[in-house]
Amino acid sequence: MKKPILHFSHANGFPAGCYRALFDGLEPHFEIHFVEALGMDPAHPPLEGWRPLVEQLIERLARYRAPVVAVGHSLGGYLSFIAAARRPELVRALVLLDAPILGPIKGRLLGASKRFGIVDRVTPAGATRERRSAWSSLAEAERHFRSRKLFRHFAPECLRDYVRYGLRERDGELHLVIDPEIEYRIYRTIPHDMYKFMPRLSVPAGFIGGAESDVVRRMGLAQMRGKFRLRKAPGGHLFPFEHPRESAVAILEMLRELG
């Protein structure tokens, strides 16, 4: 008997292969599928509102033999949410990992930040565009990432997986799989009106947030109450990399609650 399909969508800047340790805890129960690097397909570029990225995900979900479990982290959670709201027949359950949906007031403020040209200050975009993107060796890359605040709490195996799957050899150097310019454009074009999809969401849905997540703290969960089962997992916004085993258990428990 075939295992049910779980389609996983990754966070901005973290190709799906980097979640290898998380997948280890899910693969006994699911057949795992994903798009390796969202935003890097020229046919589905990161434009305002992410419509091409959502279309890419919907096209992939439509290929499966039956409705799937859709799990997404950050960017991947938002794309999964919109896809499930637009095409509920493709998704049997939805789990968002630290992807809180903004309500109308905060959404309008985000929209205003775009119009006034200050969105780089309210999203991680400003810190993304000029980030280093090439290294001479895996060892050099790992030393670099280990020294960065963003990766400080990563489990050792997840940092190794980021170096292994987040980089690709080109012209004698190792380069980021997801170009920083693409990562930057994804942050700048985030939909500010995702709350409009909430009334259309009809599939069982859960949200797992990092107990120390600055994203959850800033954005809040008020918009999600009533539509989502809510639960916490240890760690911050990047908790699937900080506590991969506990995160896999939290996802499985959430899916059991969703039925």
Protein backbone atom coordinates (compact mmCIF):
# COMPACT_ATOMS: atom_id res chain seq x y z
CA MET A 1 0.00 0.00 0.00
CA LYS A 2 1.37 3.38 -0.99
CA LYS A 3 1.95 5.99 1.67
CA PRO A 4 -0.05 9.23 1.39
CA ILE A 5 1.74 12.15 -0.24
CA LEU A 6 2.99 15.11 1.76
CA HIS A 7 4.02 18.07 -0.37
CA PHE A 8 6.47 20.32 1.47
CA SER A 9 7.17 23.94 0.53
CA HIS A 10 10.32 25.58 1.85
CA ALA A 11 11.12 28.96 3.41
CA ASN A 12 12.65 31.75 1.36
CA GLY A 13 16.36 31.10 0.80
CA PHE A 14 16.30 27.52 2.10
CA PRO A 15 16.00 24.92 -0.70
CA ALA A 16 13.85 21.92 0.17
CA GLY A 17 16.79 19.55 0.46
CA CYS A 18 17.99 21.49 3.50
CA TYR A 19 15.07 19.99 5.47
CA ARG A 20 16.53 16.48 5.25
CA ALA A 21 16.55 16.00 9.05
CA LEU A 22 12.89 17.05 9.30
CA PHE A 23 11.94 14.72 6.45
CA ASP A 24 13.62 11.80 8.25
CA GLY A 25 10.90 12.02 10.89
CA LEU A 26 8.08 12.25 8.34
CA GLU A 27 9.12 9.68 5.75
CA PRO A 28 7.97 6.61 7.75
CA HIS A 29 4.45 8.00 7.37
CA PHE A 30 4.44 9.93 4.08
CA GLU A 31 5.86 10.01 0.59
CA ILE A 32 7.61 13.40 0.57
CA HIS A 33 7.54 15.66 -2.50
CA PHE A 34 8.61 19.27 -3.03
CA VAL A 35 9.76 21.96 -5.44
CA GLU A 36 13.49 22.19 -4.76
CA ALA A 37 14.00 25.95 -5.13
CA LEU A 38 10.94 28.20 -5.29
CA GLY A 39 11.52 31.42 -7.21
CA MET A 40 14.31 30.06 -9.41
CA ASP A 41 12.10 28.87 -12.28
CA PRO A 42 12.03 31.65 -14.94
CA ALA A 43 8.50 30.53 -15.84
CA HIS A 44 7.37 31.30 -12.27
CA PRO A 45 9.18 34.47 -11.14
CA PRO A 46 8.54 36.30 -7.85
CA LEU A 47 6.19 39.08 -8.93
CA GLU A 48 3.96 41.28 -6.77
CA GLY A 49 1.56 39.13 -4.77
CA TRP A 50 3.46 35.92 -5.63
CA ARG A 51 0.84 34.81 -8.16
CA PRO A 52 3.35 32.91 -10.38
CA LEU A 53 4.75 31.10 -7.33
CA VAL A 54 1.26 30.07 -6.24
CA GLU A 55 0.52 28.89 -9.77
CA GLN A 56 3.69 26.80 -9.75
CA LEU A 57 2.59 25.10 -6.53
CA ILE A 58 -0.94 24.52 -7.81
CA GLU A 59 0.43 22.98 -11.02
CA ARG A 60 2.52 20.59 -8.94
CA LEU A 61 -0.34 19.65 -6.59
CA ALA A 62 -2.59 18.94 -9.58
CA ARG A 63 -0.20 16.21 -10.78
CA TYR A 64 -0.67 13.96 -7.76
CA ARG A 65 -2.92 10.93 -7.73
CA ALA A 66 -5.10 12.22 -4.89
CA PRO A 67 -5.44 15.24 -2.56
CA VAL A 68 -2.26 15.68 -0.52
CA VAL A 69 -1.13 16.94 2.83
CA ALA A 70 0.40 20.38 2.21
CA VAL A 71 3.01 21.53 4.72
CA GLY A 72 4.91 24.79 4.31
CA HIS A 73 7.48 26.77 6.27
CA SER A 74 7.33 30.59 6.15
CA LEU A 75 7.18 31.45 2.40
CA GLY A 76 6.14 27.86 1.71
CA GLY A 77 3.36 28.09 4.28
CA TYR A 78 1.91 31.22 2.70
CA LEU A 79 2.01 29.68 -0.77
CA SER A 80 0.38 26.49 0.56
CA PHE A 81 -2.34 28.52 2.29
CA ILE A 82 -3.26 30.43 -0.87
CA ALA A 83 -3.10 27.29 -3.02
CA ALA A 84 -5.37 25.40 -0.58
CA ALA A 85 -7.85 28.30 -0.48
CA ARG A 86 -7.95 28.55 -4.27
CA ARG A 87 -7.96 24.82 -5.04
CA PRO A 88 -9.30 22.94 -1.99
CA GLU A 89 -9.89 19.76 -4.01
CA LEU A 90 -6.09 19.33 -4.25
CA VAL A 91 -5.39 19.46 -0.48
CA ARG A 92 -6.76 17.18 2.24
CA ALA A 93 -4.99 18.92 5.13
CA LEU A 94 -2.83 22.03 5.53
CA VAL A 95 -0.10 22.75 8.09
CA LEU A 96 1.69 26.09 8.23
CA LEU A 97 5.05 26.32 10.01
CA ASP A 98 5.64 29.81 11.40
CA ALA A 99 3.65 31.47 8.63
CA PRO A 100 1.10 33.65 10.49
CA ILE A 101 -1.51 35.31 8.28
CA LEU A 102 -1.72 39.09 8.66
CA GLY A 103 -5.12 40.60 9.32
CA PRO A 104 -6.54 43.61 7.41
CA ILE A 105 -4.96 46.36 9.53
CA LYS A 106 -1.41 45.02 9.50
CA GLY A 107 -1.87 43.94 5.90
CA ARG A 108 -2.73 47.50 4.86
CA LEU A 109 0.31 48.78 6.76
CA LEU A 110 2.49 46.32 4.86
CA GLY A 111 0.91 47.48 1.59
CA ALA A 112 1.65 51.09 2.54
CA SER A 113 5.28 50.21 3.21
CA LYS A 114 5.52 49.03 -0.41
CA ARG A 115 3.92 52.19 -1.80
CA PHE A 116 6.25 54.41 0.22
CA GLY A 117 9.34 52.37 -0.69
CA ILE A 118 10.21 51.26 2.84
CA VAL A 119 9.29 47.57 2.60
CA ASP A 120 12.99 46.67 2.94
CA ARG A 121 12.83 47.98 6.50
CA VAL A 122 9.85 45.89 7.58
CA THR A 123 10.82 42.59 5.91
CA PRO A 124 14.19 40.79 5.78
CA ALA A 125 14.67 42.14 2.22
CA GLY A 126 17.17 44.80 3.21
CA ALA A 127 19.56 42.29 4.77
CA THR A 128 19.28 39.84 1.88
CA ARG A 129 20.34 41.54 -1.34
CA GLU A 130 24.02 42.03 -0.49
CA ARG A 131 24.60 38.77 1.36
CA ARG A 132 27.64 36.74 0.42
CA SER A 133 26.80 34.13 -2.19
CA ALA A 134 30.03 32.28 -3.15
CA TRP A 135 32.70 30.24 -1.34
CA SER A 136 35.77 28.31 -2.39
CA SER A 137 34.99 25.12 -0.45
CA LEU A 138 32.39 23.39 1.69
CA ALA A 139 34.58 23.84 4.76
CA GLU A 140 34.86 27.60 4.16
CA ALA A 141 31.11 27.87 3.63
CA GLU A 142 30.32 25.94 6.80
CA ARG A 143 32.68 28.14 8.85
CA HIS A 144 30.98 31.22 7.42
CA PHE A 145 27.44 30.08 8.19
CA ARG A 146 28.39 28.84 11.64
CA SER A 147 29.51 32.39 12.48
CA ARG A 148 26.24 34.01 11.37
CA LYS A 149 23.48 34.85 13.84
CA LEU A 150 20.80 33.37 11.57
CA PHE A 151 22.32 29.88 11.88
CA ARG A 152 23.42 30.10 15.51
CA HIS A 153 20.79 27.69 16.84
CA PHE A 154 20.72 25.22 13.93
CA ALA A 155 21.09 21.56 14.85
CA PRO A 156 24.52 20.40 13.58
CA GLU A 157 23.00 18.08 10.98
CA CYS A 158 20.80 20.88 9.64
CA LEU A 159 23.73 23.23 9.21
CA ARG A 160 25.57 20.49 7.31
CA ASP A 161 22.48 19.93 5.16
CA TYR A 162 22.26 23.65 4.41
CA VAL A 163 25.84 23.62 3.18
CA ARG A 164 25.24 20.41 1.22
CA TYR A 165 21.89 21.28 -0.38
CA GLY A 166 21.89 25.08 -0.24
CA LEU A 167 25.02 25.44 -2.39
CA ARG A 168 25.88 24.33 -5.91
CA GLU A 169 29.21 24.24 -7.75
CA ARG A 170 29.60 26.70 -10.61
CA ASP A 171 32.73 28.08 -12.28
CA GLY A 172 35.01 26.53 -9.67
CA GLU A 173 33.13 28.01 -6.70
CA LEU A 174 30.16 27.09 -4.52
CA HIS A 175 27.19 29.40 -5.01
CA LEU A 176 23.85 29.68 -3.23
CA VAL A 177 21.19 27.60 -4.99
CA ILE A 178 18.69 30.42 -4.44
CA ASP A 179 20.15 33.63 -5.84
CA PRO A 180 20.11 36.46 -3.24
CA GLU A 181 18.47 38.72 -5.83
CA ILE A 182 15.58 36.24 -6.11
CA GLU A 183 15.35 35.93 -2.33
CA TYR A 184 15.26 39.73 -2.12
CA ARG A 185 12.48 40.00 -4.72
CA ILE A 186 10.40 37.38 -2.90
CA TYR A 187 10.52 39.41 0.31
CA ARG A 188 9.65 42.64 -1.51
CA THR A 189 6.62 41.17 -3.28
CA ILE A 190 4.95 39.37 -0.36
CA PRO A 191 1.15 39.57 -0.64
CA HIS A 192 -0.21 42.11 1.84
CA ASP A 193 -3.83 40.96 1.46
CA MET A 194 -3.60 37.24 2.24
CA TYR A 195 -6.41 37.68 4.78
CA LYS A 196 -8.79 37.86 1.80
CA PHE A 197 -8.26 34.13 1.24
CA MET A 198 -9.29 33.19 4.78
CA PRO A 199 -13.06 32.91 4.03
CA ARG A 200 -12.26 30.58 1.11
CA LEU A 201 -10.21 28.15 3.22
CA SER A 202 -12.27 24.99 3.64
CA VAL A 203 -9.70 22.25 4.30
CA PRO A 204 -8.62 21.15 7.81
CA ALA A 205 -5.78 23.49 8.77
CA GLY A 206 -3.20 23.78 11.50
CA PHE A 207 -0.51 26.29 12.45
CA ILE A 208 2.69 25.46 14.33
CA GLY A 209 4.72 28.44 15.49
CA GLY A 210 8.09 28.69 17.13
CA ALA A 211 7.72 29.35 20.84
CA GLU A 212 10.39 32.09 20.53
CA SER A 213 9.47 33.22 17.02
CA ASP A 214 9.90 36.94 16.40
CA VAL A 215 7.66 36.60 13.32
CA VAL A 216 4.73 35.29 15.37
CA ARG A 217 5.32 37.98 17.98
CA ARG A 218 5.25 40.79 15.41
CA MET A 219 2.40 39.52 13.25
CA GLY A 220 0.13 37.84 15.81
CA LEU A 221 -2.34 34.99 15.39
CA ALA A 222 -5.66 36.78 15.78
CA GLN A 223 -6.56 36.36 12.11
CA MET A 224 -6.08 32.59 12.33
CA ARG A 225 -8.19 31.76 15.36
CA GLY A 226 -11.27 29.77 14.45
CA LYS A 227 -9.87 28.57 11.10
CA PHE A 228 -6.65 26.93 12.33
CA ARG A 229 -5.69 24.63 15.15
CA LEU A 230 -2.78 26.38 16.86
CA ARG A 231 0.24 24.81 18.48
CA LYS A 232 3.79 25.77 19.50
CA ALA A 233 7.10 24.03 18.88
CA PRO A 234 10.44 24.74 20.56
CA GLY A 235 12.62 27.32 18.83
CA GLY A 236 12.31 30.49 16.79
CA HIS A 237 11.18 31.24 13.26
CA LEU A 238 13.57 28.61 11.89
CA PHE A 239 12.51 25.93 14.38
CA PRO A 240 12.39 23.12 11.74
CA PHE A 241 16.19 23.51 11.50
CA GLU A 242 16.77 24.13 15.19
CA HIS A 243 14.73 21.15 16.44
CA PRO A 244 14.03 18.92 13.42
CA ARG A 245 12.96 15.80 15.34
CA GLU A 246 10.60 17.67 17.65
CA SER A 247 9.24 19.56 14.64
CA ALA A 248 8.45 16.33 12.80
CA VAL A 249 6.61 15.02 15.87
CA ALA A 250 4.64 18.29 16.12
CA ILE A 251 3.60 18.00 12.45
CA LEU A 252 2.49 14.39 12.88
CA GLU A 253 0.53 15.22 16.03
CA MET A 254 -1.13 18.16 14.29
CA LEU A 255 -2.12 15.98 11.35
CA ARG A 256 -3.65 13.41 13.72
CA GLU A 257 -5.70 16.21 15.30
CA LEU A 258 -6.85 17.38 11.87
CA GLY A 259 -8.00 13.86 11.03
